Amino acid sequence: MENPKNEISRIEYRFNDSSVPPPYHRSYDIIVVPDTIYLKVDSYGEILTDTNFVLAASDFMALCDSLPSFNLKTRERKEPDGCVGGTGEQIKITDAAGNVSIEGSAYYCGGETYGTITGDLKGFGRLIKSKIPDFRKHLKE
């Protein structure tokens, strides 16, 4: 990551669910800023949840401090070789000046990871979701 962790002003995370019937499909966007975490859940474009939560400054700093341990790095796009039906994640980390320090996506299919980012994006996503009270409830499964 090029910018020091204390310059991070926005973390955008997206989970794209696999192609399953609408009652089971859940994709979501999470935006984290120093004092708020925003959550939008959809099922094939139908918004199921659109809400936000107060985020303690210490929780925001904990997310920023944890980034190096997930070893997120961009790479040249690795394309899936005929694999369809997987799930995907996207991440974008921005500083106060609008400079992007990390931006990429991962597509998980057939036991492989494709896309433009390496590292433990799944783990970082779990950490972000842990900051949302009763996260699973908001999926409305």
Protein backbone atom coordinates (compact mmCIF):
# COMPACT_ATOMS: atom_id res chain seq x y z
CA MET A 1 0.00 0.00 0.00
CA GLU A 2 1.44 3.34 -1.00
CA ASN A 3 -0.28 5.66 1.50
CA PRO A 4 0.31 5.40 5.25
CA LYS A 5 -2.65 3.87 7.07
CA ASN A 6 -3.48 7.11 8.88
CA GLU A 7 -4.26 8.78 5.54
CA ILE A 8 -7.03 6.35 4.61
CA SER A 9 -10.35 8.15 4.45
CA ARG A 10 -12.59 5.61 2.69
CA ILE A 11 -12.77 1.85 2.28
CA GLU A 12 -15.21 0.47 -0.30
CA TYR A 13 -15.91 -3.27 -0.28
CA ARG A 14 -18.30 -5.20 -2.54
CA PHE A 15 -19.34 -8.83 -2.43
CA ASN A 16 -20.94 -10.30 -5.58
CA ASP A 17 -22.88 -13.47 -4.89
CA SER A 18 -22.93 -16.43 -7.26
CA SER A 19 -25.77 -17.04 -9.71
CA VAL A 20 -28.41 -18.62 -7.51
CA PRO A 21 -32.22 -18.21 -7.48
CA PRO A 22 -33.36 -14.74 -6.32
CA PRO A 23 -34.57 -15.86 -2.87
CA TYR A 24 -30.99 -16.90 -2.05
CA HIS A 25 -28.90 -14.31 -3.90
CA ARG A 26 -27.29 -11.64 -1.72
CA SER A 27 -24.72 -9.15 -2.96
CA TYR A 28 -23.70 -6.14 -0.89
CA ASP A 29 -21.74 -2.93 -0.80
CA ILE A 30 -20.04 -1.68 2.35
CA ILE A 31 -18.50 1.78 2.56
CA VAL A 32 -16.44 2.63 5.61
CA VAL A 33 -15.44 6.19 6.52
CA PRO A 34 -13.91 7.33 9.83
CA ASP A 35 -17.23 7.67 11.68
CA THR A 36 -19.81 5.68 9.67
CA ILE A 37 -20.23 2.33 7.97
CA TYR A 38 -22.80 2.11 5.17
CA LEU A 39 -24.43 -1.14 4.05
CA LYS A 40 -26.54 -1.81 0.97
CA VAL A 41 -27.73 -5.36 0.28
CA ASP A 42 -29.37 -6.37 -2.99
CA SER A 43 -30.75 -9.41 -4.73
CA TYR A 44 -30.36 -8.98 -8.50
CA GLY A 45 -30.88 -5.22 -8.18
CA GLU A 46 -33.74 -5.31 -5.65
CA ILE A 47 -32.54 -3.36 -2.59
CA LEU A 48 -33.17 -5.40 0.56
CA THR A 49 -31.23 -3.23 3.03
CA ASP A 50 -29.91 0.32 2.80
CA THR A 51 -28.68 1.53 6.17
CA ASN A 52 -25.72 2.91 8.08
CA PHE A 53 -24.16 2.63 11.52
CA VAL A 54 -22.01 4.83 13.70
CA LEU A 55 -18.43 3.59 13.65
CA ALA A 56 -16.06 4.32 16.51
CA ALA A 57 -12.85 6.04 15.48
CA SER A 58 -10.95 3.17 17.13
CA ASP A 59 -12.74 0.64 14.90
CA PHE A 60 -11.86 2.63 11.78
CA MET A 61 -8.22 2.81 12.87
CA ALA A 62 -8.24 -0.94 13.65
CA LEU A 63 -9.36 -1.64 10.08
CA CYS A 64 -6.64 0.64 8.71
CA ASP A 65 -4.00 -0.83 11.05
CA SER A 66 -4.92 -4.38 10.00
CA LEU A 67 -4.49 -3.80 6.25
CA PRO A 68 -0.82 -4.82 6.01
CA SER A 69 -1.61 -8.21 7.58
CA PHE A 70 -3.96 -9.05 4.69
CA ASN A 71 -1.18 -8.42 2.13
CA LEU A 72 -3.50 -6.94 -0.51
CA LYS A 73 -1.64 -6.15 -3.71
CA THR A 74 -2.75 -5.44 -7.25
CA ARG A 75 -1.64 -7.70 -10.06
CA GLU A 76 -2.17 -8.14 -13.75
CA ARG A 77 -5.66 -9.56 -14.34
CA LYS A 78 -5.84 -13.34 -14.09
CA GLU A 79 -8.79 -14.52 -16.17
CA PRO A 80 -10.92 -17.55 -15.31
CA ASP A 81 -10.43 -20.46 -17.67
CA GLY A 82 -14.01 -21.47 -18.43
CA CYS A 83 -15.13 -21.28 -14.82
CA VAL A 84 -18.55 -19.73 -14.20
CA GLY A 85 -20.85 -19.42 -11.21
CA GLY A 86 -18.37 -18.22 -8.61
CA THR A 87 -18.45 -15.32 -6.18
CA GLY A 88 -16.50 -12.09 -6.31
CA GLU A 89 -15.19 -9.31 -4.14
CA GLN A 90 -13.94 -5.82 -4.88
CA ILE A 91 -11.96 -3.37 -2.77
CA LYS A 92 -11.05 0.28 -3.17
CA ILE A 93 -9.11 2.24 -0.57
CA THR A 94 -8.87 6.01 -0.89
CA ASP A 95 -7.13 8.81 1.01
CA ALA A 96 -8.54 12.25 1.88
CA ALA A 97 -7.15 13.75 -1.35
CA GLY A 98 -9.00 11.12 -3.41
CA ASN A 99 -5.88 9.12 -4.27
CA VAL A 100 -6.52 5.39 -4.58
CA SER A 101 -3.92 3.25 -2.81
CA ILE A 102 -5.50 -0.15 -3.45
CA GLU A 103 -8.15 -1.10 -5.99
CA GLY A 104 -8.88 -4.53 -7.32
CA SER A 105 -11.18 -7.49 -7.57
CA ALA A 106 -11.09 -11.19 -6.89
CA TYR A 107 -13.29 -13.86 -8.47
CA TYR A 108 -13.47 -17.26 -6.75
CA CYS A 109 -14.43 -20.21 -8.89
CA GLY A 110 -13.49 -23.88 -9.00
CA GLY A 111 -11.10 -23.54 -6.07
CA GLU A 112 -9.08 -20.83 -7.83
CA THR A 113 -8.81 -17.07 -7.37
CA TYR A 114 -8.88 -14.85 -10.43
CA GLY A 115 -8.93 -11.06 -10.87
CA THR A 116 -6.65 -8.14 -10.18
CA ILE A 117 -5.79 -8.51 -6.50
CA THR A 118 -3.82 -10.95 -4.38
CA GLY A 119 -3.78 -11.41 -0.63
CA ASP A 120 -6.54 -12.26 1.81
CA LEU A 121 -9.43 -10.14 0.56
CA LYS A 122 -11.91 -12.64 2.06
CA GLY A 123 -10.34 -12.17 5.47
CA PHE A 124 -10.40 -8.39 5.20
CA GLY A 125 -14.05 -8.60 4.12
CA ARG A 126 -14.86 -10.68 7.21
CA LEU A 127 -13.18 -8.07 9.40
CA ILE A 128 -15.19 -5.26 7.80
CA LYS A 129 -18.45 -7.22 8.25
CA SER A 130 -17.59 -7.79 11.92
CA LYS A 131 -17.97 -4.03 12.46
CA ILE A 132 -21.67 -4.18 11.41
CA PRO A 133 -24.03 -5.11 14.25
CA ASP A 134 -26.03 -8.27 13.42
CA PHE A 135 -24.64 -8.36 9.87
CA ARG A 136 -26.43 -11.59 8.87
CA LYS A 137 -29.79 -10.11 9.91
CA HIS A 138 -29.35 -7.37 7.30
CA LEU A 139 -29.00 -9.96 4.53
CA LYS A 140 -32.67 -10.87 5.08
CA GLU A 141 -32.06 -14.48 4.11
